[in-house]
Amino acid sequence: MAQLGLLAHVVMMILLTLRILSVQRNVGVAIAWLVILFTLPLVGMVAYLLVGEPMIGRRYLQRTEQARALLNEMAQRERLIFDQGQELLPETYRGVSRIGTIWTGFGVYDNHKMKLLTEPDEIFNQLLHDIHSAQRVILMEFYIVYPEGRVCEVLDAVIAAAQRGVECHLLADSVGSFNFFNSSFYHKLSHAGVIVHQSLPVGLFKTLFKRTDLRNHRKIIVIDEDIGYTGSFNLVDPAYFKQDKDVGQWIDTMVRIKSRKPISIVTAMAKVVVTDIGAESNSNLDALNQRINTYTRKLYMMNPRINDVNDSADRVVGLMTEAEEDWIISGEVVSAPLPAVEPVTAQLIPSAPQVTAHVIYNTLVTVIHRADERIQITTPYFVPDEALLGALTTAAKRGVEVTLIIPKTVDSFMVQHASQAYYEELLEAGVTIALFRGGLLHTKTVVVDDEYCLFGTVNIDMRSFYLNMEVSLAIYSPAMVAQVAACQDSYLNHCEILCLEQWQQRHNFKRLFDNGMRLFSPLL
């Protein structure tokens, strides 16, 4: 019996080894899994079967493709073209933008008005104003909804909007928003007519068919078809969120986007949210199909309990002027630190496993290699692979000013030490590493040559690049890029600059431990 068990164990090890070598295209990921498999055989077998490959679920993928096809057919019928705009860019960035267009179907759109929001109260105040002014629809998609502090004001505002006839949808990740789905606010929203969707629900049976650690990490808000928000900000009040982690308050940014063109970043954002909602269940997909069959130039789901509004002129009834819209909140003038910028040209780049390949990763590596003067990156979690690490160190060696701004302490033990294993190689190449001391810097921004910016939800780690559903904005307008760069520079005022000589004086045990954690970095 023991011999039979040993034989089964050996056969399983051989089969899993062959599977890893044949399926995992990333060498680092393959090596990390082989290390786990041969170091902890039983744990490694179970772990690989559960989370070894990015399986998001066959039915989910089918519904995603069906939802995208429905929306694309509608767009074609109504002559709404999503994949153009390359001619709006200088020649040097057209190739970079094509990477996004090929995989996502979204091109480059111009004439947006964008406002960078850098403080929590500023974000909450502007968002509350827009929700209170909503006339037709509110779409919200978040990884984390944490109903404490000022988040309760936002949810109450959404409830009030639903009760006055606005169609409201909230899509929240099942794992990230676990507390929300077990809170009274979840039931309160549902009873008020807000349609709440659970993104990628988990369960014991579901783990047999898809990875439960593939999460919807997107943060998107669309209001009345012409106002959108995205960035690193979850629907949480940092004064209440994760206060027991001893890393300080979370520091985030959002960008508010406004456009009245038929096709814009906001339209693309609505299409992403609607596709994600439609992919969650057959009933959602049926509702989307029914809505499209009675299309009235609106890319969102239909709530059968709400009468449709066909006259587009109703969108502007009772709305304020542009100046009032930006600066007046509940009758009080709000002094914002940064003015709105227009016109702004940008591109939306959503990513998802098994859907858009590695579009964000390929875009990032491409822009790093083509940088001429400066690269400045802000990220809470920095765990690169060899190609990305090589791109950064090579850029520094050829004279590009490369600055990496990351928190001194993060809320993940393994990520903290895996990240530290890369510091010495980066410092030796001439990369400046700035450790932020003012809290957990959660902002995710990349600025290249003061003329290109990636802004959104993507961390510099393999989970964001390969596993999670994410969204980024590629911004091509220097005036808006300058604001993001200025925000990064303000973070530098609260940083300590890491010194190579000082870092090399660390105890050998600490180096060894960090390097050990680095072996698992492709899986973090």
Protein backbone atom coordinates (compact mmCIF):
# COMPACT_ATOMS: atom_id res chain seq x y z
CA MET A 1 0.00 0.00 0.00
CA ALA A 2 2.84 2.36 0.88
CA GLN A 3 4.54 1.54 -2.42
CA LEU A 4 1.32 2.29 -4.30
CA GLY A 5 1.04 5.64 -2.52
CA LEU A 6 4.66 6.47 -3.33
CA LEU A 7 4.12 5.55 -6.96
CA ALA A 8 1.02 7.78 -7.16
CA HIS A 9 3.00 10.61 -5.58
CA VAL A 10 5.83 10.27 -8.11
CA VAL A 11 3.39 10.11 -11.03
CA MET A 12 1.61 13.25 -9.80
CA MET A 13 4.93 15.08 -9.39
CA ILE A 14 5.97 14.14 -12.92
CA LEU A 15 2.62 15.13 -14.43
CA LEU A 16 2.52 18.48 -12.61
CA THR A 17 6.14 19.20 -13.57
CA LEU A 18 5.36 18.53 -17.22
CA ARG A 19 2.20 20.63 -16.92
CA ILE A 20 4.12 23.58 -15.44
CA LEU A 21 6.82 23.37 -18.10
CA SER A 22 4.30 23.18 -20.94
CA VAL A 23 1.79 25.81 -19.74
CA GLN A 24 3.78 28.49 -17.90
CA ARG A 25 5.36 30.75 -20.50
CA ASN A 26 6.93 33.02 -17.91
CA VAL A 27 10.21 31.41 -16.83
CA GLY A 28 10.12 33.07 -13.40
CA VAL A 29 6.62 31.78 -12.69
CA ALA A 30 7.57 28.27 -13.81
CA ILE A 31 10.68 28.21 -11.60
CA ALA A 32 8.73 29.54 -8.59
CA TRP A 33 6.13 26.80 -8.93
CA LEU A 34 8.77 24.10 -9.35
CA VAL A 35 10.52 25.34 -6.20
CA ILE A 36 7.26 25.12 -4.25
CA LEU A 37 6.39 21.74 -5.75
CA PHE A 38 9.69 20.07 -4.86
CA THR A 39 10.19 21.85 -1.53
CA LEU A 40 6.65 21.26 -0.22
CA PRO A 41 5.27 18.49 -2.47
CA LEU A 42 1.81 18.06 -0.98
CA VAL A 43 1.24 21.79 -0.45
CA GLY A 44 2.67 22.51 -3.89
CA MET A 45 0.36 20.01 -5.62
CA VAL A 46 -2.78 21.35 -3.97
CA ALA A 47 -1.74 24.98 -4.45
CA TYR A 48 -1.00 24.53 -8.15
CA LEU A 49 -4.28 22.73 -8.79
CA LEU A 50 -6.16 25.59 -7.07
CA VAL A 51 -4.26 28.70 -8.15
CA GLY A 52 -1.55 27.61 -10.56
CA GLU A 53 -3.12 28.80 -13.80
CA PRO A 54 -5.22 31.92 -14.56
CA MET A 55 -8.55 30.15 -15.10
CA ILE A 56 -11.28 32.74 -14.73
CA GLY A 57 -14.03 30.24 -15.55
CA ARG A 58 -15.35 28.93 -18.86
CA ARG A 59 -18.89 30.29 -18.39
CA TYR A 60 -17.62 33.68 -17.27
CA LEU A 61 -15.41 33.92 -20.36
CA GLN A 62 -18.30 32.92 -22.61
CA ARG A 63 -20.57 35.56 -21.10
CA THR A 64 -17.79 38.16 -21.39
CA GLU A 65 -17.40 37.43 -25.09
CA GLN A 66 -21.17 37.48 -25.62
CA ALA A 67 -21.52 40.82 -23.81
CA ARG A 68 -18.67 42.33 -25.82
CA ALA A 69 -20.18 41.01 -29.05
CA LEU A 70 -23.58 42.51 -28.20
CA LEU A 71 -22.07 45.91 -27.47
CA ASN A 72 -19.83 45.80 -30.57
CA GLU A 73 -22.78 44.91 -32.80
CA MET A 74 -24.76 47.78 -31.34
CA ALA A 75 -21.82 50.17 -31.81
CA GLN A 76 -21.44 49.08 -35.43
CA ARG A 77 -25.16 49.54 -36.05
CA GLU A 78 -25.07 53.04 -34.59
CA ARG A 79 -21.75 53.90 -36.26
CA LEU A 80 -19.96 54.32 -32.91
CA ILE A 81 -16.28 53.69 -33.68
CA PHE A 82 -14.13 52.77 -30.68
CA ASP A 83 -10.80 51.77 -32.21
CA GLN A 84 -9.64 54.90 -34.06
CA GLY A 85 -7.72 58.04 -33.13
CA GLN A 86 -4.09 57.04 -33.79
CA GLU A 87 -3.69 60.17 -35.92
CA LEU A 88 -4.23 62.30 -32.79
CA LEU A 89 -0.86 61.20 -31.41
CA PRO A 90 2.72 62.09 -32.30
CA GLU A 91 4.45 59.39 -34.31
CA THR A 92 6.57 58.28 -31.34
CA TYR A 93 3.52 57.07 -29.36
CA ARG A 94 1.38 55.56 -32.08
CA GLY A 95 3.00 52.15 -31.75
CA VAL A 96 2.55 52.18 -27.97
CA SER A 97 -1.12 53.03 -28.34
CA ARG A 98 -1.67 50.27 -30.92
CA ILE A 99 -0.75 47.67 -28.27
CA GLY A 100 -3.80 48.75 -26.27
CA THR A 101 -6.09 49.03 -29.27
CA ILE A 102 -5.25 45.56 -30.61
CA TRP A 103 -6.15 43.82 -27.33
CA THR A 104 -8.94 46.01 -25.95
CA GLY A 105 -10.61 47.51 -29.02
CA PHE A 106 -10.30 51.02 -27.57
CA GLY A 107 -8.48 53.71 -29.48
CA VAL A 108 -7.46 57.26 -28.60
CA TYR A 109 -10.05 59.93 -27.76
CA ASP A 110 -9.56 63.68 -27.47
CA ASN A 111 -11.29 66.78 -26.07
CA HIS A 112 -11.72 65.58 -22.49
CA LYS A 113 -11.78 67.76 -19.43
CA MET A 114 -9.82 66.09 -16.63
CA LYS A 115 -9.33 66.98 -13.01
CA LEU A 116 -6.77 65.26 -10.80
CA LEU A 117 -8.14 64.64 -7.30
CA THR A 118 -5.44 64.01 -4.70
CA GLU A 119 -7.16 64.37 -1.30
CA PRO A 120 -9.89 62.08 0.15
CA ASP A 121 -12.26 64.93 1.03
CA GLU A 122 -11.80 66.41 -2.43
CA ILE A 123 -12.68 63.05 -3.99
CA PHE A 124 -15.71 62.53 -1.76
CA ASN A 125 -17.01 66.09 -2.22
CA GLN A 126 -16.73 66.03 -6.02
CA LEU A 127 -18.25 62.55 -6.24
CA LEU A 128 -21.15 63.48 -3.96
CA HIS A 129 -21.85 66.54 -6.09
CA ASP A 130 -21.97 64.46 -9.27
CA ILE A 131 -24.20 61.79 -7.71
CA HIS A 132 -26.62 64.41 -6.39
CA SER A 133 -26.72 65.94 -9.89
CA ALA A 134 -27.20 62.62 -11.71
CA GLN A 135 -30.22 62.55 -14.03
CA ARG A 136 -30.12 59.17 -15.76
CA VAL A 137 -27.57 56.57 -14.71
CA ILE A 138 -24.84 55.78 -12.17
CA LEU A 139 -22.44 52.87 -12.79
CA MET A 140 -19.91 52.00 -10.08
CA GLU A 141 -17.30 49.23 -10.11
CA PHE A 142 -14.89 48.74 -7.19
CA TYR A 143 -12.56 46.15 -5.75
CA ILE A 144 -13.26 47.29 -2.18
CA VAL A 145 -16.42 48.88 -0.84
CA TYR A 146 -15.98 49.54 2.88
CA PRO A 147 -19.10 51.17 4.34
CA GLU A 148 -17.54 53.34 7.04
CA GLY A 149 -16.96 57.10 7.39
CA ARG A 150 -17.71 59.21 4.33
CA VAL A 151 -18.41 56.14 2.22
CA CYS A 152 -21.78 56.01 3.98
CA GLU A 153 -22.51 59.49 2.58
CA VAL A 154 -21.77 58.23 -0.93
CA LEU A 155 -23.96 55.15 -0.56
CA ASP A 156 -26.79 57.24 0.90
CA ALA A 157 -26.47 59.59 -2.09
CA VAL A 158 -26.73 56.62 -4.48
CA ILE A 159 -29.84 55.43 -2.62
CA ALA A 160 -31.38 58.90 -2.96
CA ALA A 161 -30.54 58.90 -6.68
CA ALA A 162 -32.22 55.52 -7.17
CA GLN A 163 -35.31 56.71 -5.33
CA ARG A 164 -35.67 59.72 -7.64
CA GLY A 165 -35.52 57.46 -10.72
CA VAL A 166 -31.82 57.28 -11.61
CA GLU A 167 -30.70 53.84 -12.77
CA CYS A 168 -27.97 52.75 -10.33
CA HIS A 169 -25.64 49.76 -10.55
CA LEU A 170 -22.86 48.84 -8.12
CA LEU A 171 -20.47 46.01 -9.04
CA ALA A 172 -18.14 45.04 -6.17
CA ASP A 173 -15.54 42.30 -5.94
CA SER A 174 -16.74 39.39 -3.84
CA VAL A 175 -13.48 39.03 -1.89
CA GLY A 176 -12.32 42.64 -1.70
CA SER A 177 -15.79 43.78 -0.59
CA PHE A 178 -16.49 40.86 1.74
CA ASN A 179 -17.35 43.19 4.64
CA PHE A 180 -19.72 45.17 2.43
CA PHE A 181 -21.72 42.12 1.35
CA ASN A 182 -22.14 41.21 5.02
CA SER A 183 -23.21 44.70 6.04
CA SER A 184 -26.60 46.32 6.48
CA PHE A 185 -25.76 48.76 3.68
CA TYR A 186 -25.82 45.96 1.12
CA HIS A 187 -29.45 45.17 1.95
CA LYS A 188 -30.31 48.85 2.30
CA LEU A 189 -29.06 49.56 -1.23
CA SER A 190 -30.90 46.60 -2.71
CA HIS A 191 -34.18 47.51 -1.01
CA ALA A 192 -33.87 51.10 -2.30
CA GLY A 193 -33.64 49.96 -5.94
CA VAL A 194 -29.86 50.05 -6.40
CA ILE A 195 -28.85 46.97 -8.39
CA VAL A 196 -25.87 45.45 -6.56
CA HIS A 197 -23.75 42.82 -8.34
CA GLN A 198 -21.14 40.53 -6.81
CA SER A 199 -18.06 40.28 -9.04
CA LEU A 200 -16.36 36.88 -9.33
CA PRO A 201 -18.14 35.22 -6.38
CA VAL A 202 -16.17 32.54 -4.56
CA GLY A 203 -17.12 29.19 -3.11
CA LEU A 204 -15.73 25.74 -2.42
CA PHE A 205 -17.31 24.21 -5.53
CA LYS A 206 -16.22 27.13 -7.73
CA THR A 207 -12.54 26.53 -6.88
CA LEU A 208 -12.66 23.32 -8.92
CA PHE A 209 -13.34 25.26 -12.11
CA LYS A 210 -11.65 28.65 -11.68
CA ARG A 211 -9.03 30.41 -9.59
CA THR A 212 -10.57 32.21 -6.65
CA ASP A 213 -7.60 34.58 -6.30
CA LEU A 214 -8.25 36.20 -9.71
CA ARG A 215 -9.95 39.39 -8.61
CA ASN A 216 -11.73 42.38 -10.12
CA HIS A 217 -9.34 45.16 -9.06
CA ARG A 218 -10.97 47.90 -11.18
CA LYS A 219 -12.18 51.25 -9.84
CA ILE A 220 -14.59 52.94 -12.27
CA ILE A 221 -17.52 55.31 -11.91
CA VAL A 222 -19.69 56.54 -14.78
CA ILE A 223 -22.41 59.15 -14.23
CA ASP A 224 -24.91 60.30 -16.87
CA GLU A 225 -22.76 59.05 -19.77
CA ASP A 226 -20.42 62.03 -19.78
CA ILE A 227 -18.68 61.98 -16.36
CA GLY A 228 -16.23 59.28 -15.34
CA TYR A 229 -13.82 58.53 -12.51
CA THR A 230 -10.93 56.11 -12.25
CA GLY A 231 -7.71 55.73 -10.31
CA SER A 232 -6.33 53.91 -7.29
CA PHE A 233 -9.07 55.02 -4.88
CA ASN A 234 -11.33 52.22 -3.60
CA LEU A 235 -14.68 53.19 -2.14
CA VAL A 236 -13.16 53.48 1.34
CA ASP A 237 -12.58 56.29 3.79
CA PRO A 238 -8.83 56.15 4.60
CA ALA A 239 -9.51 57.50 8.09
CA TYR A 240 -11.33 54.21 8.86
CA PHE A 241 -9.78 51.67 6.49
CA LYS A 242 -7.16 49.13 7.73
CA GLN A 243 -6.18 51.22 10.71
CA ASP A 244 -4.87 48.09 12.46
CA LYS A 245 -2.12 47.43 9.87
CA ASP A 246 0.31 50.01 11.31
CA VAL A 247 1.15 51.46 7.88
CA GLY A 248 -0.66 54.80 8.24
CA GLN A 249 -3.50 56.09 6.10
CA TRP A 250 -3.75 55.03 2.48
CA ILE A 251 -2.78 57.75 -0.03
CA ASP A 252 -4.72 57.62 -3.31
CA THR A 253 -5.63 59.66 -6.37
CA MET A 254 -8.55 59.72 -8.78
CA VAL A 255 -9.13 61.55 -12.03
CA ARG A 256 -12.51 63.00 -12.94
CA ILE A 257 -13.18 62.92 -16.68
CA LYS A 258 -15.83 64.88 -18.53
CA SER A 259 -16.75 64.70 -22.22
CA ARG A 260 -19.84 65.41 -24.27
CA LYS A 261 -18.59 63.67 -27.42
CA PRO A 262 -20.53 60.57 -28.61
CA ILE A 263 -17.42 58.42 -28.14
CA SER A 264 -15.01 59.22 -25.33
CA ILE A 265 -13.07 57.70 -22.45
CA VAL A 266 -16.30 57.82 -20.42
CA THR A 267 -18.14 55.83 -23.11
CA ALA A 268 -15.36 53.25 -23.08
CA MET A 269 -15.53 53.09 -19.27
CA ALA A 270 -19.27 52.48 -19.44
CA LYS A 271 -18.67 49.70 -21.94
CA VAL A 272 -16.17 48.04 -19.58
CA VAL A 273 -18.54 48.19 -16.59
CA VAL A 274 -21.51 46.94 -18.61
CA THR A 275 -19.45 44.05 -19.98
CA ASP A 276 -18.31 43.12 -16.48
CA ILE A 277 -21.90 43.22 -15.20
CA GLY A 278 -23.17 41.17 -18.13
CA ALA A 279 -20.47 38.53 -17.59
CA GLU A 280 -21.53 37.83 -14.01
CA SER A 281 -24.73 35.88 -14.71
CA ASN A 282 -27.05 34.68 -17.44
CA SER A 283 -29.81 36.96 -16.15
CA ASN A 284 -27.49 39.97 -16.43
CA LEU A 285 -26.58 38.98 -19.96
CA ASP A 286 -30.26 38.58 -20.87
CA ALA A 287 -30.99 42.03 -19.43
CA LEU A 288 -28.18 43.52 -21.49
CA ASN A 289 -29.47 41.82 -24.63
CA GLN A 290 -32.97 43.17 -23.98
CA ARG A 291 -31.60 46.66 -23.40
CA ILE A 292 -29.61 46.64 -26.63
CA ASN A 293 -32.62 45.50 -28.62
CA THR A 294 -34.34 48.74 -27.57
CA TYR A 295 -31.16 50.80 -27.84
CA THR A 296 -31.37 54.52 -27.15
CA ARG A 297 -27.69 55.44 -27.42
CA LYS A 298 -26.82 54.48 -23.84
CA LEU A 299 -24.19 51.85 -23.05
CA TYR A 300 -25.48 50.58 -19.73
CA MET A 301 -27.77 47.94 -18.29
CA MET A 302 -31.54 48.26 -18.20
CA ASN A 303 -33.40 48.19 -14.92
CA PRO A 304 -36.91 47.06 -15.85
CA ARG A 305 -38.27 48.86 -12.78
CA ILE A 306 -37.24 52.26 -14.18
CA ASN A 307 -38.85 53.93 -17.16
CA ASP A 308 -36.40 54.71 -19.94
CA VAL A 309 -35.77 58.35 -20.85
CA ASN A 310 -35.43 58.84 -24.58
CA ASP A 311 -35.01 62.57 -24.95
CA SER A 312 -31.28 63.31 -24.70
CA ALA A 313 -32.12 66.93 -23.93
CA ASP A 314 -33.24 65.75 -20.47
CA ARG A 315 -29.57 65.15 -19.66
CA VAL A 316 -28.88 68.83 -19.32
CA VAL A 317 -32.05 69.90 -17.53
CA GLY A 318 -31.19 71.50 -14.22
CA LEU A 319 -27.44 71.07 -14.65
CA MET A 320 -25.07 73.85 -13.69
CA THR A 321 -22.60 75.70 -15.85
CA GLU A 322 -19.13 74.20 -16.35
CA ALA A 323 -17.54 76.51 -13.80
CA GLU A 324 -20.22 75.88 -11.19
CA GLU A 325 -20.11 72.15 -11.86
CA ASP A 326 -16.43 71.93 -11.03
CA TRP A 327 -16.22 74.15 -7.97
CA ILE A 328 -19.58 74.30 -6.15
CA ILE A 329 -20.42 71.47 -3.79
CA SER A 330 -23.69 71.64 -1.82
CA GLY A 331 -23.76 75.42 -2.16
CA GLU A 332 -20.23 75.97 -0.88
CA VAL A 333 -17.22 77.00 -2.94
CA VAL A 334 -14.48 74.38 -2.72
CA SER A 335 -10.92 75.49 -3.36
CA ALA A 336 -9.21 72.65 -5.19
CA PRO A 337 -5.40 72.47 -5.26
CA LEU A 338 -5.31 71.56 -8.96
CA PRO A 339 -7.43 73.08 -11.75
CA ALA A 340 -9.16 71.01 -14.39
CA VAL A 341 -7.21 70.56 -17.64
CA GLU A 342 -8.65 70.61 -21.16
CA PRO A 343 -8.45 69.45 -23.84
CA VAL A 344 -6.91 66.09 -22.88
CA THR A 345 -6.19 63.18 -25.22
CA ALA A 346 -6.17 59.72 -23.63
CA GLN A 347 -6.78 56.01 -24.11
CA LEU A 348 -8.53 53.52 -21.83
CA ILE A 349 -6.67 50.21 -21.35
CA PRO A 350 -8.64 47.59 -19.41
CA SER A 351 -6.98 44.24 -18.81
CA ALA A 352 -8.24 40.82 -17.72
CA PRO A 353 -6.74 37.31 -17.64
CA GLN A 354 -7.52 35.19 -20.71
CA VAL A 355 -9.20 38.21 -22.34
CA THR A 356 -6.65 40.95 -23.13
CA ALA A 357 -3.39 38.98 -22.77
CA HIS A 358 -0.73 41.07 -20.95
CA VAL A 359 -1.65 44.42 -22.47
CA ILE A 360 -0.64 46.65 -19.53
CA TYR A 361 2.66 44.85 -19.01
CA ASN A 362 3.56 45.08 -22.70
CA THR A 363 2.60 48.76 -22.79
CA LEU A 364 4.69 49.57 -19.72
CA VAL A 365 7.81 47.75 -20.89
CA THR A 366 7.52 49.43 -24.30
CA VAL A 367 7.31 52.98 -22.92
CA ILE A 368 10.20 52.34 -20.52
CA HIS A 369 12.43 51.20 -23.38
CA ARG A 370 11.57 54.27 -25.47
CA ALA A 371 12.08 56.80 -22.64
CA ASP A 372 14.71 59.46 -23.39
CA GLU A 373 14.93 61.68 -20.32
CA ARG A 374 12.86 60.70 -17.28
CA ILE A 375 10.82 57.85 -15.81
CA GLN A 376 9.02 58.36 -12.51
CA ILE A 377 6.94 55.55 -11.01
CA THR A 378 4.65 55.56 -8.00
CA THR A 379 3.41 52.16 -6.81
CA PRO A 380 2.54 50.57 -3.46
CA TYR A 381 3.73 47.10 -4.48
CA PHE A 382 6.89 46.69 -6.53
CA VAL A 383 7.69 43.10 -7.52
CA PRO A 384 8.95 43.11 -11.14
CA ASP A 385 10.00 40.21 -13.32
CA GLU A 386 13.39 40.01 -15.01
CA ALA A 387 12.27 41.75 -18.22
CA LEU A 388 10.75 44.73 -16.40
CA LEU A 389 13.70 44.95 -14.00
CA GLY A 390 16.04 44.86 -17.00
CA ALA A 391 14.08 47.62 -18.74
CA LEU A 392 14.38 49.90 -15.69
CA THR A 393 18.07 49.24 -15.02
CA THR A 394 18.95 49.56 -18.70
CA ALA A 395 17.12 52.88 -18.90
CA ALA A 396 19.08 54.18 -15.91
CA LYS A 397 22.39 53.00 -17.37
CA ARG A 398 21.75 54.80 -20.66
CA GLY A 399 21.25 58.07 -18.83
CA VAL A 400 17.50 58.21 -18.22
CA GLU A 401 16.58 59.64 -14.81
CA VAL A 402 14.63 56.78 -13.20
CA THR A 403 12.86 57.36 -9.88
CA LEU A 404 10.85 54.75 -8.01
CA ILE A 405 8.52 56.09 -5.28
CA ILE A 406 7.19 53.34 -2.99
CA PRO A 407 5.97 53.14 0.62
CA LYS A 408 8.59 52.45 3.24
CA THR A 409 6.23 49.88 4.76
CA VAL A 410 3.38 48.00 3.08
CA ASP A 411 0.61 45.78 4.42
CA SER A 412 2.01 42.55 2.93
CA PHE A 413 4.95 40.85 4.65
CA MET A 414 5.98 38.76 1.64
CA VAL A 415 5.68 41.64 -0.83
CA GLN A 416 7.72 43.90 1.46
CA HIS A 417 10.67 41.50 1.55
CA ALA A 418 10.41 40.33 -2.07
CA SER A 419 10.47 43.99 -3.16
CA GLN A 420 13.55 44.72 -1.04
CA ALA A 421 15.46 41.97 -2.84
CA TYR A 422 15.50 44.15 -6.00
CA TYR A 423 16.77 47.34 -4.37
CA GLU A 424 20.51 46.69 -4.61
CA GLU A 425 20.45 45.89 -8.34
CA LEU A 426 18.35 48.98 -9.01
CA LEU A 427 20.56 51.24 -6.93
CA GLU A 428 23.72 49.92 -8.59
CA ALA A 429 22.23 50.80 -11.99
CA GLY A 430 21.55 54.37 -10.87
CA VAL A 431 17.82 54.15 -10.11
CA THR A 432 16.66 56.49 -7.35
CA ILE A 433 14.53 54.67 -4.75
CA ALA A 434 12.41 57.02 -2.63
CA LEU A 435 10.70 55.48 0.41
CA PHE A 436 7.48 57.30 1.29
CA ARG A 437 7.00 57.84 5.03
CA GLY A 438 3.58 59.53 5.09
CA GLY A 439 1.38 56.41 5.00
CA LEU A 440 0.71 53.60 2.58
CA LEU A 441 1.20 55.30 -0.78
CA HIS A 442 -1.40 53.46 -2.85
CA THR A 443 -1.25 55.69 -5.96
CA LYS A 444 -0.28 53.89 -9.19
CA THR A 445 1.24 56.28 -11.75
CA VAL A 446 3.99 56.14 -14.37
CA VAL A 447 5.27 59.33 -16.03
CA VAL A 448 7.64 59.12 -19.01
CA ASP A 449 9.50 62.14 -20.46
CA ASP A 450 6.82 64.53 -19.09
CA GLU A 451 4.62 63.73 -22.10
CA TYR A 452 3.14 60.30 -21.37
CA CYS A 453 1.43 58.93 -18.29
CA LEU A 454 -0.10 55.62 -17.18
CA PHE A 455 -2.67 56.25 -14.44
CA GLY A 456 -5.01 53.73 -12.85
CA THR A 457 -5.30 50.59 -10.75
CA VAL A 458 -2.22 48.60 -11.83
CA ASN A 459 0.55 47.79 -9.34
CA ILE A 460 4.05 46.96 -10.55
CA ASP A 461 3.69 43.27 -9.79
CA MET A 462 2.79 40.10 -11.62
CA ARG A 463 -0.65 39.85 -9.99
CA SER A 464 -1.74 43.12 -11.60
CA PHE A 465 -0.09 42.32 -14.92
CA TYR A 466 -1.25 38.72 -15.31
CA LEU A 467 -4.04 37.82 -12.88
CA ASN A 468 -6.35 40.67 -11.86
CA MET A 469 -8.92 42.60 -13.85
CA GLU A 470 -7.44 46.12 -14.00
CA VAL A 471 -7.89 49.41 -15.81
CA SER A 472 -5.43 52.15 -16.77
CA LEU A 473 -5.54 55.48 -18.54
CA ALA A 474 -2.79 56.31 -21.00
CA ILE A 475 -2.63 60.12 -21.00
CA TYR A 476 -0.91 61.87 -23.92
CA SER A 477 -1.48 65.57 -23.13
CA PRO A 478 1.60 67.23 -21.53
CA ALA A 479 -0.47 69.62 -19.38
CA MET A 480 -2.28 66.73 -17.67
CA VAL A 481 0.90 64.65 -17.47
CA ALA A 482 2.56 67.62 -15.73
CA GLN A 483 -0.09 67.57 -13.01
CA VAL A 484 0.49 63.87 -12.34
CA ALA A 485 4.26 64.49 -12.27
CA ALA A 486 3.74 67.37 -9.82
CA CYS A 487 1.72 65.04 -7.59
CA GLN A 488 4.59 62.54 -7.69
CA ASP A 489 7.05 65.31 -6.81
CA SER A 490 4.90 66.25 -3.80
CA TYR A 491 5.25 62.66 -2.55
CA LEU A 492 9.04 63.00 -2.81
CA ASN A 493 8.88 65.71 -0.14
CA HIS A 494 7.81 63.00 2.33
CA CYS A 495 10.37 60.41 1.28
CA GLU A 496 13.77 59.26 2.38
CA ILE A 497 16.15 58.51 -0.47
CA LEU A 498 17.75 55.10 -0.18
CA CYS A 499 21.56 55.09 -0.28
CA LEU A 500 23.41 52.20 -1.95
CA GLU A 501 26.23 52.15 0.61
CA GLN A 502 23.76 52.15 3.49
CA TRP A 503 21.67 49.40 1.91
CA GLN A 504 24.72 47.21 1.36
CA GLN A 505 25.54 47.34 5.06
CA ARG A 506 22.47 45.31 5.98
CA HIS A 507 23.00 42.08 7.89
CA ASN A 508 23.61 39.06 5.63
CA PHE A 509 20.64 37.25 7.16
CA LYS A 510 18.29 40.03 6.00
CA ARG A 511 19.70 39.83 2.49
CA LEU A 512 19.28 36.07 2.44
CA PHE A 513 15.70 36.31 3.69
CA ASP A 514 14.76 38.93 1.09
CA ASN A 515 16.34 36.85 -1.67
CA GLY A 516 14.38 33.84 -0.47
CA MET A 517 11.15 35.81 -0.75
CA ARG A 518 12.22 36.91 -4.22
CA LEU A 519 11.88 33.32 -5.41
CA PHE A 520 8.14 33.63 -4.86
CA SER A 521 7.87 37.08 -6.48
CA PRO A 522 6.35 35.80 -9.76
CA LEU A 523 3.40 34.52 -7.72
CA LEU A 524 2.81 37.61 -5.55
